[in-house]
Amino acid sequence: MEFLIIAAVVLLAVGMFRYFRQKNYLKTLTEDQFREGYRKAQLIDVREPNEFDKGHILGARNIPLTQMKQRLVELRKDKPVYLYCQGGSRSGRAAQLLHKKGYEDISQLKGGFKKWTGKVKSK
């Protein structure tokens, strides 16, 4: 029983550490803030292709989180990167990877695509 309590505390501490560290390099933007800057940025949808095909923000490129490491050459370090996924967790993981690879201006859409009310394109 004591072990479970210690394990839970350690997991909670690690989660809090990651959350606060992420705030140093990832900006979480409201839809209005996101809309203001995404046309000047690299707009990346990190969802899987089938999700992207069902609907995505107009002008977005699909680089799924599962392919991000292999496709980093498609992203420029000198331009802002705007990320989004369905709800926010995958874009956070993508931001962590980009940060480790030297990208500095990284933002994500608060609430993800499911909260987006702007223009959408679907196949």
N, C-alpha and C. Protein backbone atom coordinates (compact mmCIF):
# COMPACT_ATOMS: atom_id res chain seq x y z
N MET A 1 0.83 -1.20 0.00
CA MET A 1 0.00 0.00 0.00
C MET A 1 0.87 1.25 0.00
N GLU A 2 1.91 1.24 0.82
CA GLU A 2 2.81 2.38 0.90
C GLU A 2 3.47 2.64 -0.46
N PHE A 3 3.82 1.55 -1.15
CA PHE A 3 4.46 1.66 -2.46
C PHE A 3 3.54 2.36 -3.46
N LEU A 4 2.25 2.04 -3.43
CA LEU A 4 1.30 2.66 -4.34
C LEU A 4 1.19 4.16 -4.11
N ILE A 5 1.21 4.57 -2.87
CA ILE A 5 1.14 5.99 -2.54
C ILE A 5 2.38 6.71 -3.05
N ILE A 6 3.55 6.11 -2.83
CA ILE A 6 4.81 6.71 -3.29
C ILE A 6 4.81 6.79 -4.82
N ALA A 7 4.37 5.73 -5.49
CA ALA A 7 4.32 5.71 -6.95
C ALA A 7 3.38 6.80 -7.48
N ALA A 8 2.24 6.96 -6.84
CA ALA A 8 1.28 7.98 -7.26
C ALA A 8 1.86 9.39 -7.09
N VAL A 9 2.54 9.62 -5.99
CA VAL A 9 3.15 10.92 -5.75
C VAL A 9 4.25 11.20 -6.79
N VAL A 10 5.06 10.19 -7.09
CA VAL A 10 6.11 10.36 -8.09
C VAL A 10 5.51 10.67 -9.47
N LEU A 11 4.48 9.94 -9.86
CA LEU A 11 3.82 10.19 -11.15
C LEU A 11 3.23 11.60 -11.21
N LEU A 12 2.61 12.02 -10.15
CA LEU A 12 2.04 13.36 -10.08
C LEU A 12 3.15 14.41 -10.19
N ALA A 13 4.25 14.21 -9.51
CA ALA A 13 5.37 15.16 -9.55
C ALA A 13 5.97 15.25 -10.96
N VAL A 14 6.13 14.12 -11.60
CA VAL A 14 6.68 14.10 -12.97
C VAL A 14 5.73 14.83 -13.92
N GLY A 15 4.45 14.57 -13.79
CA GLY A 15 3.46 15.24 -14.63
C GLY A 15 3.45 16.75 -14.44
N MET A 16 3.53 17.20 -13.20
CA MET A 16 3.57 18.63 -12.92
C MET A 16 4.85 19.26 -13.47
N PHE A 17 5.98 18.56 -13.32
CA PHE A 17 7.25 19.07 -13.84
C PHE A 17 7.17 19.26 -15.35
N ARG A 18 6.65 18.26 -16.06
CA ARG A 18 6.53 18.36 -17.52
C ARG A 18 5.59 19.49 -17.93
N TYR A 19 4.49 19.63 -17.21
CA TYR A 19 3.52 20.68 -17.52
C TYR A 19 4.17 22.06 -17.40
N PHE A 20 4.85 22.32 -16.29
CA PHE A 20 5.44 23.64 -16.09
C PHE A 20 6.64 23.87 -17.01
N ARG A 21 7.41 22.83 -17.32
CA ARG A 21 8.52 22.98 -18.25
C ARG A 21 7.99 23.30 -19.64
N GLN A 22 6.90 22.65 -20.01
CA GLN A 22 6.31 22.87 -21.33
C GLN A 22 5.85 24.31 -21.49
N LYS A 23 5.39 24.93 -20.43
CA LYS A 23 4.93 26.31 -20.49
C LYS A 23 6.06 27.27 -20.87
N ASN A 24 7.34 26.84 -20.68
CA ASN A 24 8.48 27.69 -21.02
C ASN A 24 8.70 27.79 -22.52
N TYR A 25 8.31 26.80 -23.28
CA TYR A 25 8.58 26.81 -24.71
C TYR A 25 7.34 26.69 -25.60
N LEU A 26 6.19 26.43 -25.04
CA LEU A 26 4.97 26.25 -25.82
C LEU A 26 3.92 27.27 -25.40
N LYS A 27 3.48 28.08 -26.37
CA LYS A 27 2.40 29.03 -26.10
C LYS A 27 1.07 28.38 -26.46
N THR A 28 0.14 28.40 -25.54
CA THR A 28 -1.20 27.89 -25.81
C THR A 28 -2.09 29.10 -26.09
N LEU A 29 -2.61 29.14 -27.32
CA LEU A 29 -3.35 30.31 -27.79
C LEU A 29 -4.84 30.04 -27.88
N THR A 30 -5.63 31.06 -27.56
CA THR A 30 -7.07 30.98 -27.77
C THR A 30 -7.32 30.96 -29.28
N GLU A 31 -8.52 30.64 -29.67
CA GLU A 31 -8.84 30.61 -31.10
C GLU A 31 -8.57 31.96 -31.76
N ASP A 32 -8.93 33.05 -31.09
CA ASP A 32 -8.70 34.39 -31.67
C ASP A 32 -7.21 34.67 -31.82
N GLN A 33 -6.43 34.36 -30.82
CA GLN A 33 -4.98 34.56 -30.90
C GLN A 33 -4.38 33.68 -32.00
N PHE A 34 -4.84 32.45 -32.09
CA PHE A 34 -4.36 31.51 -33.09
C PHE A 34 -4.68 32.03 -34.50
N ARG A 35 -5.89 32.53 -34.67
CA ARG A 35 -6.35 33.04 -35.96
C ARG A 35 -5.52 34.25 -36.39
N GLU A 36 -5.11 35.09 -35.43
CA GLU A 36 -4.32 36.28 -35.73
C GLU A 36 -2.97 35.94 -36.36
N GLY A 37 -2.35 34.83 -35.94
CA GLY A 37 -0.99 34.56 -36.38
C GLY A 37 -0.76 33.37 -37.28
N TYR A 38 -1.75 32.51 -37.46
CA TYR A 38 -1.45 31.25 -38.15
C TYR A 38 -1.15 31.42 -39.64
N ARG A 39 -1.59 32.49 -40.26
CA ARG A 39 -1.30 32.68 -41.69
C ARG A 39 0.17 33.03 -41.93
N LYS A 40 0.84 33.57 -40.94
CA LYS A 40 2.25 33.92 -41.06
C LYS A 40 3.14 32.80 -40.53
N ALA A 41 2.54 31.72 -40.07
CA ALA A 41 3.28 30.63 -39.45
C ALA A 41 3.16 29.36 -40.30
N GLN A 42 3.86 28.34 -39.86
CA GLN A 42 3.73 27.01 -40.45
C GLN A 42 2.61 26.32 -39.67
N LEU A 43 1.47 26.15 -40.30
CA LEU A 43 0.29 25.59 -39.64
C LEU A 43 0.29 24.08 -39.83
N ILE A 44 0.46 23.35 -38.74
CA ILE A 44 0.63 21.91 -38.80
C ILE A 44 -0.46 21.20 -38.00
N ASP A 45 -1.16 20.31 -38.68
CA ASP A 45 -2.16 19.42 -38.06
C ASP A 45 -1.44 18.11 -37.76
N VAL A 46 -1.32 17.75 -36.48
CA VAL A 46 -0.55 16.56 -36.10
C VAL A 46 -1.44 15.31 -35.95
N ARG A 47 -2.69 15.40 -36.39
CA ARG A 47 -3.57 14.24 -36.34
C ARG A 47 -3.23 13.27 -37.47
N GLU A 48 -3.80 12.11 -37.43
CA GLU A 48 -3.58 11.10 -38.46
C GLU A 48 -4.30 11.51 -39.75
N PRO A 49 -3.83 11.02 -40.92
CA PRO A 49 -4.42 11.42 -42.20
C PRO A 49 -5.93 11.23 -42.31
N ASN A 50 -6.47 10.16 -41.75
CA ASN A 50 -7.92 9.95 -41.83
C ASN A 50 -8.67 11.04 -41.07
N GLU A 51 -8.12 11.52 -39.95
CA GLU A 51 -8.74 12.61 -39.20
C GLU A 51 -8.64 13.92 -39.99
N PHE A 52 -7.47 14.15 -40.57
CA PHE A 52 -7.21 15.35 -41.37
C PHE A 52 -8.19 15.42 -42.55
N ASP A 53 -8.39 14.29 -43.23
CA ASP A 53 -9.28 14.24 -44.40
C ASP A 53 -10.72 14.56 -44.05
N LYS A 54 -11.14 14.23 -42.84
CA LYS A 54 -12.52 14.49 -42.42
C LYS A 54 -12.78 15.98 -42.19
N GLY A 55 -11.70 16.73 -41.95
CA GLY A 55 -11.83 18.17 -41.74
C GLY A 55 -10.59 18.72 -41.07
N HIS A 56 -10.11 19.86 -41.60
CA HIS A 56 -8.93 20.51 -41.03
C HIS A 56 -9.02 22.01 -41.26
N ILE A 57 -8.20 22.76 -40.52
CA ILE A 57 -8.17 24.21 -40.66
C ILE A 57 -7.62 24.53 -42.05
N LEU A 58 -8.29 25.44 -42.73
CA LEU A 58 -7.90 25.84 -44.07
C LEU A 58 -6.44 26.31 -44.08
N GLY A 59 -5.62 25.71 -44.94
CA GLY A 59 -4.21 26.08 -45.05
C GLY A 59 -3.26 25.22 -44.24
N ALA A 60 -3.79 24.27 -43.48
CA ALA A 60 -2.94 23.41 -42.64
C ALA A 60 -2.27 22.32 -43.46
N ARG A 61 -1.07 21.94 -43.02
CA ARG A 61 -0.38 20.78 -43.57
C ARG A 61 -0.51 19.64 -42.57
N ASN A 62 -0.64 18.44 -43.05
CA ASN A 62 -0.77 17.28 -42.18
C ASN A 62 0.59 16.60 -42.00
N ILE A 63 1.14 16.73 -40.80
CA ILE A 63 2.33 15.99 -40.40
C ILE A 63 1.96 15.29 -39.10
N PRO A 64 1.48 14.05 -39.20
CA PRO A 64 1.04 13.33 -38.00
C PRO A 64 2.16 13.20 -36.97
N LEU A 65 1.79 13.23 -35.71
CA LEU A 65 2.76 13.06 -34.63
C LEU A 65 3.58 11.79 -34.85
N THR A 66 2.95 10.74 -35.35
CA THR A 66 3.64 9.46 -35.56
C THR A 66 4.73 9.55 -36.64
N GLN A 67 4.69 10.60 -37.46
CA GLN A 67 5.68 10.78 -38.53
C GLN A 67 6.59 11.99 -38.31
N MET A 68 6.38 12.70 -37.22
CA MET A 68 7.05 13.99 -36.99
C MET A 68 8.58 13.88 -37.06
N LYS A 69 9.17 12.90 -36.41
CA LYS A 69 10.63 12.77 -36.41
C LYS A 69 11.19 12.63 -37.82
N GLN A 70 10.51 11.83 -38.64
CA GLN A 70 10.99 11.58 -40.00
C GLN A 70 10.76 12.77 -40.92
N ARG A 71 9.85 13.65 -40.58
CA ARG A 71 9.47 14.74 -41.49
C ARG A 71 9.90 16.12 -41.00
N LEU A 72 10.81 16.18 -40.04
CA LEU A 72 11.27 17.47 -39.52
C LEU A 72 11.88 18.35 -40.60
N VAL A 73 12.45 17.74 -41.65
CA VAL A 73 13.05 18.52 -42.74
C VAL A 73 12.03 19.41 -43.44
N GLU A 74 10.75 19.13 -43.28
CA GLU A 74 9.70 19.93 -43.90
C GLU A 74 9.38 21.21 -43.14
N LEU A 75 9.95 21.34 -41.93
CA LEU A 75 9.66 22.50 -41.09
C LEU A 75 10.89 23.40 -40.97
N ARG A 76 10.65 24.69 -41.03
CA ARG A 76 11.72 25.67 -40.89
C ARG A 76 11.83 26.12 -39.44
N LYS A 77 13.06 26.27 -38.97
CA LYS A 77 13.28 26.73 -37.60
C LYS A 77 13.14 28.24 -37.46
N ASP A 78 13.23 28.97 -38.58
CA ASP A 78 13.18 30.43 -38.54
C ASP A 78 11.77 31.00 -38.66
N LYS A 79 10.76 30.15 -38.74
CA LYS A 79 9.37 30.61 -38.80
C LYS A 79 8.58 30.00 -37.65
N PRO A 80 7.59 30.72 -37.15
CA PRO A 80 6.75 30.17 -36.08
C PRO A 80 6.06 28.88 -36.53
N VAL A 81 5.86 27.97 -35.60
CA VAL A 81 5.14 26.73 -35.86
C VAL A 81 3.86 26.75 -35.03
N TYR A 82 2.72 26.65 -35.70
CA TYR A 82 1.42 26.58 -35.04
C TYR A 82 0.92 25.16 -35.18
N LEU A 83 0.68 24.52 -34.06
CA LEU A 83 0.27 23.12 -34.03
C LEU A 83 -1.17 22.99 -33.53
N TYR A 84 -1.84 21.95 -34.01
CA TYR A 84 -3.10 21.58 -33.40
C TYR A 84 -3.35 20.09 -33.65
N CYS A 85 -4.15 19.51 -32.77
CA CYS A 85 -4.61 18.14 -32.92
C CYS A 85 -6.10 18.15 -32.59
N GLN A 86 -6.65 17.04 -32.22
CA GLN A 86 -8.08 17.01 -31.92
C GLN A 86 -8.40 17.72 -30.61
N GLY A 87 -7.60 17.45 -29.56
CA GLY A 87 -7.92 18.03 -28.26
C GLY A 87 -6.78 18.76 -27.57
N GLY A 88 -5.55 18.55 -27.99
CA GLY A 88 -4.42 19.27 -27.40
C GLY A 88 -3.27 18.43 -26.91
N SER A 89 -3.50 17.13 -26.68
CA SER A 89 -2.41 16.32 -26.11
C SER A 89 -1.34 15.97 -27.14
N ARG A 90 -1.74 15.62 -28.35
CA ARG A 90 -0.73 15.27 -29.37
C ARG A 90 0.07 16.49 -29.80
N SER A 91 -0.57 17.65 -29.87
CA SER A 91 0.19 18.85 -30.24
C SER A 91 1.20 19.20 -29.15
N GLY A 92 0.88 18.91 -27.91
CA GLY A 92 1.84 19.11 -26.83
C GLY A 92 3.05 18.20 -26.95
N ARG A 93 2.81 16.96 -27.34
CA ARG A 93 3.93 16.02 -27.54
C ARG A 93 4.75 16.41 -28.76
N ALA A 94 4.10 16.89 -29.80
CA ALA A 94 4.82 17.36 -30.99
C ALA A 94 5.68 18.57 -30.64
N ALA A 95 5.15 19.46 -29.83
CA ALA A 95 5.91 20.64 -29.40
C ALA A 95 7.15 20.24 -28.61
N GLN A 96 7.00 19.24 -27.77
CA GLN A 96 8.14 18.75 -26.98
C GLN A 96 9.24 18.24 -27.92
N LEU A 97 8.87 17.49 -28.93
CA LEU A 97 9.84 16.98 -29.90
C LEU A 97 10.50 18.14 -30.65
N LEU A 98 9.71 19.10 -31.11
CA LEU A 98 10.26 20.24 -31.84
C LEU A 98 11.22 21.04 -30.97
N HIS A 99 10.83 21.25 -29.73
CA HIS A 99 11.70 21.98 -28.79
C HIS A 99 13.05 21.28 -28.63
N LYS A 100 13.02 19.97 -28.48
CA LYS A 100 14.26 19.20 -28.35
C LYS A 100 15.14 19.32 -29.59
N LYS A 101 14.51 19.54 -30.75
CA LYS A 101 15.25 19.65 -32.02
C LYS A 101 15.64 21.08 -32.35
N GLY A 102 15.39 22.02 -31.43
CA GLY A 102 15.87 23.39 -31.62
C GLY A 102 14.86 24.40 -32.13
N TYR A 103 13.61 24.03 -32.25
CA TYR A 103 12.58 25.00 -32.67
C TYR A 103 12.22 25.85 -31.46
N GLU A 104 12.05 27.15 -31.69
CA GLU A 104 11.84 28.05 -30.56
C GLU A 104 10.46 28.70 -30.50
N ASP A 105 9.87 29.02 -31.63
CA ASP A 105 8.59 29.73 -31.65
C ASP A 105 7.47 28.72 -31.95
N ILE A 106 6.95 28.10 -30.89
CA ILE A 106 5.96 27.03 -31.02
C ILE A 106 4.68 27.41 -30.28
N SER A 107 3.56 27.28 -30.97
CA SER A 107 2.27 27.57 -30.35
C SER A 107 1.30 26.44 -30.66
N GLN A 108 0.30 26.30 -29.79
CA GLN A 108 -0.75 25.30 -30.04
C GLN A 108 -2.11 25.94 -29.81
N LEU A 109 -3.11 25.37 -30.47
CA LEU A 109 -4.49 25.83 -30.36
C LEU A 109 -5.11 25.26 -29.08
N LYS A 110 -5.56 26.14 -28.22
CA LYS A 110 -6.20 25.71 -26.97
C LYS A 110 -7.48 24.93 -27.28
N GLY A 111 -7.56 23.73 -26.75
CA GLY A 111 -8.74 22.90 -26.97
C GLY A 111 -8.72 22.10 -28.26
N GLY A 112 -7.76 22.38 -29.13
CA GLY A 112 -7.60 21.62 -30.36
C GLY A 112 -8.68 21.90 -31.40
N PHE A 113 -8.68 21.07 -32.43
CA PHE A 113 -9.58 21.24 -33.57
C PHE A 113 -11.05 21.18 -33.16
N LYS A 114 -11.35 20.39 -32.14
CA LYS A 114 -12.77 20.26 -31.74
C LYS A 114 -13.34 21.58 -31.23
N LYS A 115 -12.48 22.53 -30.85
CA LYS A 115 -12.95 23.85 -30.38
C LYS A 115 -12.91 24.91 -31.48
N TRP A 116 -12.37 24.56 -32.65
CA TRP A 116 -12.20 25.51 -33.76
C TRP A 116 -13.55 25.84 -34.39
N THR A 117 -13.82 27.13 -34.59
CA THR A 117 -15.09 27.56 -35.21
C THR A 117 -14.84 28.26 -36.55
N GLY A 118 -13.59 28.38 -36.95
CA GLY A 118 -13.24 29.06 -38.21
C GLY A 118 -13.44 28.17 -39.42
N LYS A 119 -12.85 28.62 -40.55
CA LYS A 119 -12.99 27.88 -41.80
C LYS A 119 -12.33 26.52 -41.72
N VAL A 120 -13.05 25.56 -42.31
CA VAL A 120 -12.59 24.16 -42.30
C VAL A 120 -12.65 23.64 -43.74
N LYS A 121 -11.69 22.81 -44.08
CA LYS A 121 -11.69 22.15 -45.39
C LYS A 121 -11.72 20.65 -45.15
N SER A 122 -12.46 19.92 -45.97
CA SER A 122 -12.48 18.48 -45.87
C SER A 122 -12.42 17.87 -47.26
N LYS A 123 -11.98 16.63 -47.33
CA LYS A 123 -11.86 15.95 -48.62
C LYS A 123 -13.12 15.16 -48.93
